[in-house]
């Protein structure tokens, strides 16, 4: 049976890797993101069974419309991967409330809106997978990203509570918690640190790798593989879990 997976934040980085892995496993895909161009590019590389739907997941009306369009074109959503997110950096005393609110709106409320839209048909079918891309920031604190860490802790709490509510309906809800991951955002951060400090990019990289006992960044494909497994029949008994991909950082 071909499953229909909807991935938010699918235009780049971890989201694109997850979409690619799920497509390779035979899923039909709905790709959500704010920018259409990267979604179109990904869909063109994947080929058939892909629906592009530009959507701001902080907007409940847009989310409802996106799910209606997805359900009408590819059938009910079986697998929801909540990957859209942001991680602005600033000392706590310099965070503007608008930035704080924007972080919570995207990282937490986006999960809320999409999960509420996905659950009715999952309940009808008595099968579903909701997989939230959290972070090691949902398991511990980090300096200068208080809004991000607060939002990811909340996502993990939502994951655990919702998992209990739907456990008897054939639906599982889990979180994948990667450490620093090799994405364009991290690569740009490395360049910024190097420019501001006068250090080499190799030295700047250690700012992100030192926390990982393996001394490296996590690869998007590694996150995608965890999601691919959680979405499978083989992971049917895994529910309410926070799966850390961090080389042992949070052990």
Protein backbone atom coordinates (compact mmCIF):
# COMPACT_ATOMS: atom_id res chain seq x y z
CA UNK A 1 0.00 0.00 0.00
CA UNK A 2 1.38 3.39 -0.99
CA UNK A 3 1.36 5.89 1.87
CA UNK A 4 0.86 9.63 1.52
CA UNK A 5 3.43 11.66 3.46
CA UNK A 6 3.22 15.40 4.05
CA UNK A 7 6.49 17.12 5.00
CA UNK A 8 6.69 20.70 6.23
CA UNK A 9 9.86 22.72 5.77
CA UNK A 10 10.55 20.48 2.78
CA UNK A 11 12.38 23.00 0.61
CA UNK A 12 15.88 22.50 1.98
CA UNK A 13 18.12 20.85 4.56
CA UNK A 14 16.63 18.19 6.80
CA UNK A 15 13.14 18.56 5.33
CA UNK A 16 14.36 17.95 1.78
CA UNK A 17 16.37 14.91 2.92
CA UNK A 18 13.32 13.48 4.68
CA UNK A 19 11.11 14.02 1.65
CA UNK A 20 13.69 12.33 -0.57
CA UNK A 21 13.95 9.31 1.74
CA UNK A 22 10.18 8.88 2.05
CA UNK A 23 9.75 9.15 -1.72
CA UNK A 24 12.43 6.48 -2.18
CA UNK A 25 10.50 4.21 0.19
CA UNK A 26 7.45 4.49 -2.07
CA UNK A 27 5.44 7.30 -0.50
CA UNK A 28 3.48 9.89 -2.39
CA UNK A 29 4.51 13.33 -1.14
CA UNK A 30 3.02 16.69 -0.37
CA UNK A 31 5.79 19.25 0.07
CA UNK A 32 5.05 22.28 2.26
CA UNK A 33 7.19 25.38 2.69
CA UNK A 34 6.96 29.13 2.50
CA UNK A 35 8.95 29.45 -0.74
CA UNK A 36 7.69 27.78 -3.90
CA UNK A 37 10.95 27.75 -5.89
CA UNK A 38 12.89 25.25 -3.72
CA UNK A 39 9.79 23.05 -3.44
CA UNK A 40 9.44 23.00 -7.22
CA UNK A 41 13.12 22.16 -7.60
CA UNK A 42 12.88 19.24 -5.18
CA UNK A 43 9.71 17.95 -6.82
CA UNK A 44 11.38 18.08 -10.22
CA UNK A 45 14.26 15.94 -8.97
CA UNK A 46 11.99 13.39 -7.32
CA UNK A 47 9.66 12.99 -10.28
CA UNK A 48 6.12 11.69 -9.98
CA UNK A 49 3.87 11.41 -6.93
CA UNK A 50 4.83 14.89 -5.65
CA UNK A 51 2.49 17.75 -4.83
CA UNK A 52 3.90 21.21 -4.09
CA UNK A 53 1.90 23.41 -1.74
CA UNK A 54 3.43 26.74 -0.62
CA UNK A 55 2.15 27.21 2.93
CA UNK A 56 2.89 29.26 6.02
CA UNK A 57 2.31 26.70 8.78
CA UNK A 58 1.78 29.46 11.33
CA UNK A 59 -1.43 30.37 9.48
CA UNK A 60 -4.24 27.93 10.37
CA UNK A 61 -6.31 28.87 7.33
CA UNK A 62 -3.41 28.18 4.96
CA UNK A 63 -2.71 24.88 6.72
CA UNK A 64 -6.35 23.79 6.44
CA UNK A 65 -6.34 24.67 2.73
CA UNK A 66 -3.06 22.81 2.16
CA UNK A 67 -4.39 19.63 3.78
CA UNK A 68 -7.63 19.82 1.84
CA UNK A 69 -5.67 20.15 -1.40
CA UNK A 70 -3.35 17.30 -0.41
CA UNK A 71 -6.19 14.97 0.58
CA UNK A 72 -8.10 15.70 -2.62
CA UNK A 73 -5.11 15.06 -4.87
CA UNK A 74 -3.17 12.24 -3.23
CA UNK A 75 -5.61 10.79 -0.74
CA UNK A 76 -5.62 11.16 3.04
CA UNK A 77 -2.33 12.04 4.69
CA UNK A 78 -0.96 8.94 6.39
CA UNK A 79 2.40 10.33 7.55
CA UNK A 80 2.96 13.87 8.82
CA UNK A 81 6.51 15.11 9.33
CA UNK A 82 6.64 18.46 11.11
CA UNK A 83 10.04 19.83 10.11
CA UNK A 84 9.53 23.57 9.55
CA UNK A 85 11.47 25.60 12.09
CA UNK A 86 13.75 28.50 12.88
CA UNK A 87 16.58 29.11 15.36
CA UNK A 88 17.37 32.81 15.83
CA UNK A 89 20.28 33.58 18.14
CA UNK A 90 20.58 36.36 20.71
CA UNK A 91 21.35 36.78 24.41
CA UNK A 92 18.09 36.45 26.34
CA UNK A 93 18.02 40.09 27.43
CA UNK A 94 18.24 41.21 23.80
CA UNK A 95 15.45 39.02 22.42
CA UNK A 96 12.58 41.14 21.14
CA UNK A 97 9.15 39.78 21.94
CA UNK A 98 8.24 39.73 18.24
CA UNK A 99 11.18 37.39 17.59
CA UNK A 100 10.24 35.23 20.58
CA UNK A 101 6.65 34.99 19.32
CA UNK A 102 7.71 34.22 15.75
CA UNK A 103 9.89 31.34 16.97
CA UNK A 104 7.05 29.83 19.02
CA UNK A 105 4.59 30.36 16.17
CA UNK A 106 6.70 28.43 13.68
CA UNK A 107 8.36 25.78 15.83
CA UNK A 108 5.41 24.96 18.10
CA UNK A 109 2.17 26.32 16.69
CA UNK A 110 3.02 25.00 13.23
CA UNK A 111 3.16 21.50 14.74
CA UNK A 112 -0.16 22.14 16.46
CA UNK A 113 -1.94 23.34 13.31
CA UNK A 114 -0.65 20.54 11.07
CA UNK A 115 -1.26 17.79 13.61
CA UNK A 116 -4.85 18.91 14.15
CA UNK A 117 -5.47 18.77 10.40
CA UNK A 118 -3.85 15.34 9.99
CA UNK A 119 -5.51 13.50 12.86
CA UNK A 120 -9.16 13.23 11.72
CA UNK A 121 -8.40 11.10 8.64
CA UNK A 122 -5.73 9.14 10.51
CA UNK A 123 -8.36 8.27 13.12
CA UNK A 124 -10.81 7.23 10.40
CA UNK A 125 -8.20 4.96 8.83
CA UNK A 126 -6.97 3.71 12.23
CA UNK A 127 -3.40 4.23 11.06
CA UNK A 128 -1.06 7.19 11.09
CA UNK A 129 2.39 8.50 11.87
CA UNK A 130 3.20 11.95 13.21
CA UNK A 131 6.92 12.61 13.41
CA UNK A 132 8.12 15.88 14.88
CA UNK A 133 11.62 17.09 14.13
CA UNK A 134 12.63 18.42 17.51
CA UNK A 135 16.27 18.85 18.54
CA UNK A 136 18.75 18.12 21.27
CA UNK A 137 17.42 21.54 22.29
CA UNK A 138 14.30 19.69 23.45
CA UNK A 139 16.46 17.59 25.80
CA UNK A 140 18.87 20.17 27.22
CA UNK A 141 19.60 23.89 27.23
CA UNK A 142 21.90 25.93 25.00
CA UNK A 143 23.06 29.51 25.42
CA UNK A 144 21.72 32.29 23.20
CA UNK A 145 18.82 30.30 21.72
CA UNK A 146 16.29 30.52 24.56
CA UNK A 147 13.31 30.88 22.25
CA UNK A 148 14.36 27.92 20.14
CA UNK A 149 15.03 25.70 23.15
CA UNK A 150 11.75 26.69 24.81
CA UNK A 151 9.81 25.91 21.66
CA UNK A 152 11.53 22.54 21.16
CA UNK A 153 10.94 21.53 24.78
CA UNK A 154 7.27 22.35 24.16
CA UNK A 155 7.23 20.26 20.98
CA UNK A 156 8.53 17.27 22.91
CA UNK A 157 5.88 17.76 25.59
CA UNK A 158 3.20 17.93 22.90
CA UNK A 159 4.64 14.79 21.30
CA UNK A 160 4.47 12.79 24.51
CA UNK A 161 0.96 13.93 25.45
CA UNK A 162 -0.53 13.44 21.99
CA UNK A 163 1.09 10.01 21.73
CA UNK A 164 -0.94 8.87 24.74
CA UNK A 165 -4.18 10.29 23.36
CA UNK A 166 -3.95 8.46 20.03
CA UNK A 167 -2.19 5.25 21.10
CA UNK A 168 -5.41 3.22 20.84
CA UNK A 169 -6.21 4.55 17.36
CA UNK A 170 -3.37 2.95 15.42
CA UNK A 171 -1.45 6.25 15.37
CA UNK A 172 2.03 6.89 16.72
CA UNK A 173 3.59 10.25 17.58
CA UNK A 174 7.34 10.53 18.03
CA UNK A 175 10.11 13.11 17.98
CA UNK A 176 13.51 12.94 16.33
CA UNK A 177 16.07 15.07 18.15
CA UNK A 178 19.19 15.74 16.09
CA UNK A 179 22.19 17.66 17.32
CA UNK A 180 23.92 20.23 15.13
CA UNK A 181 23.24 19.09 11.58
CA UNK A 182 25.14 19.76 8.37
CA UNK A 183 22.71 22.13 6.67
CA UNK A 184 23.06 25.43 4.83
CA UNK A 185 22.11 27.24 8.04
CA UNK A 186 25.03 25.69 9.93
CA UNK A 187 27.43 26.30 7.06
CA UNK A 188 26.42 29.96 6.98
CA UNK A 189 26.85 30.17 10.75
CA UNK A 190 30.36 28.77 10.42
CA UNK A 191 31.21 31.45 7.86
CA UNK A 192 29.73 34.17 10.06
CA UNK A 193 31.71 33.03 13.11
CA UNK A 194 34.90 32.91 11.04
CA UNK A 195 34.31 36.41 9.69
CA UNK A 196 33.50 37.92 13.08
CA UNK A 197 36.31 36.24 15.01
CA UNK A 198 39.04 36.08 12.38
CA UNK A 199 39.33 32.33 12.95
CA UNK A 200 39.46 29.79 10.16
CA UNK A 201 36.25 28.01 9.17
CA UNK A 202 37.79 24.77 10.44
CA UNK A 203 38.16 26.30 13.89
CA UNK A 204 34.69 27.85 13.69
CA UNK A 205 33.28 24.41 12.90
CA UNK A 206 34.44 23.16 16.30
CA UNK A 207 31.89 25.50 17.91
CA UNK A 208 29.29 23.02 16.65
CA UNK A 209 31.17 19.72 16.73
CA UNK A 210 32.73 19.92 20.20
CA UNK A 211 29.41 19.08 21.86
CA UNK A 212 29.14 15.83 19.89
CA UNK A 213 31.28 13.04 21.39
CA UNK A 214 31.84 11.81 17.83
CA UNK A 215 33.31 15.19 16.97
CA UNK A 216 31.23 15.77 13.88
CA UNK A 217 27.99 17.20 12.54
CA UNK A 218 24.94 15.02 12.06
CA UNK A 219 24.08 14.49 8.39
CA UNK A 220 20.55 15.24 7.09
CA UNK A 221 20.41 11.75 5.61
CA UNK A 222 20.85 10.30 9.11
CA UNK A 223 17.83 12.24 10.35
CA UNK A 224 15.89 11.15 7.27
CA UNK A 225 16.72 7.49 7.91
CA UNK A 226 15.32 7.73 11.45
CA UNK A 227 12.14 9.31 10.12
CA UNK A 228 11.88 6.67 7.40
CA UNK A 229 11.98 3.94 10.04
CA UNK A 230 9.50 5.65 12.35
CA UNK A 231 7.12 5.94 9.40
CA UNK A 232 7.34 2.23 8.67
CA UNK A 233 5.21 -0.69 9.85
CA UNK A 234 8.27 -1.99 11.71
CA UNK A 235 8.10 0.94 14.16
CA UNK A 236 4.45 0.42 15.06
CA UNK A 237 5.19 -0.10 18.76
CA UNK A 238 7.37 3.01 19.07
CA UNK A 239 5.27 5.83 20.51
CA UNK A 240 5.89 9.00 22.50
CA UNK A 241 9.66 8.70 22.12
CA UNK A 242 12.42 11.26 21.70
CA UNK A 243 15.05 9.66 19.49
CA UNK A 244 18.32 11.55 19.88
CA UNK A 245 20.75 11.65 16.97
CA UNK A 246 23.68 13.37 18.64
CA UNK A 247 26.63 11.01 18.93
CA UNK A 248 25.90 10.56 22.63
CA UNK A 249 25.73 14.25 23.63
CA UNK A 250 22.56 13.83 25.69
CA UNK A 251 23.30 10.33 27.02
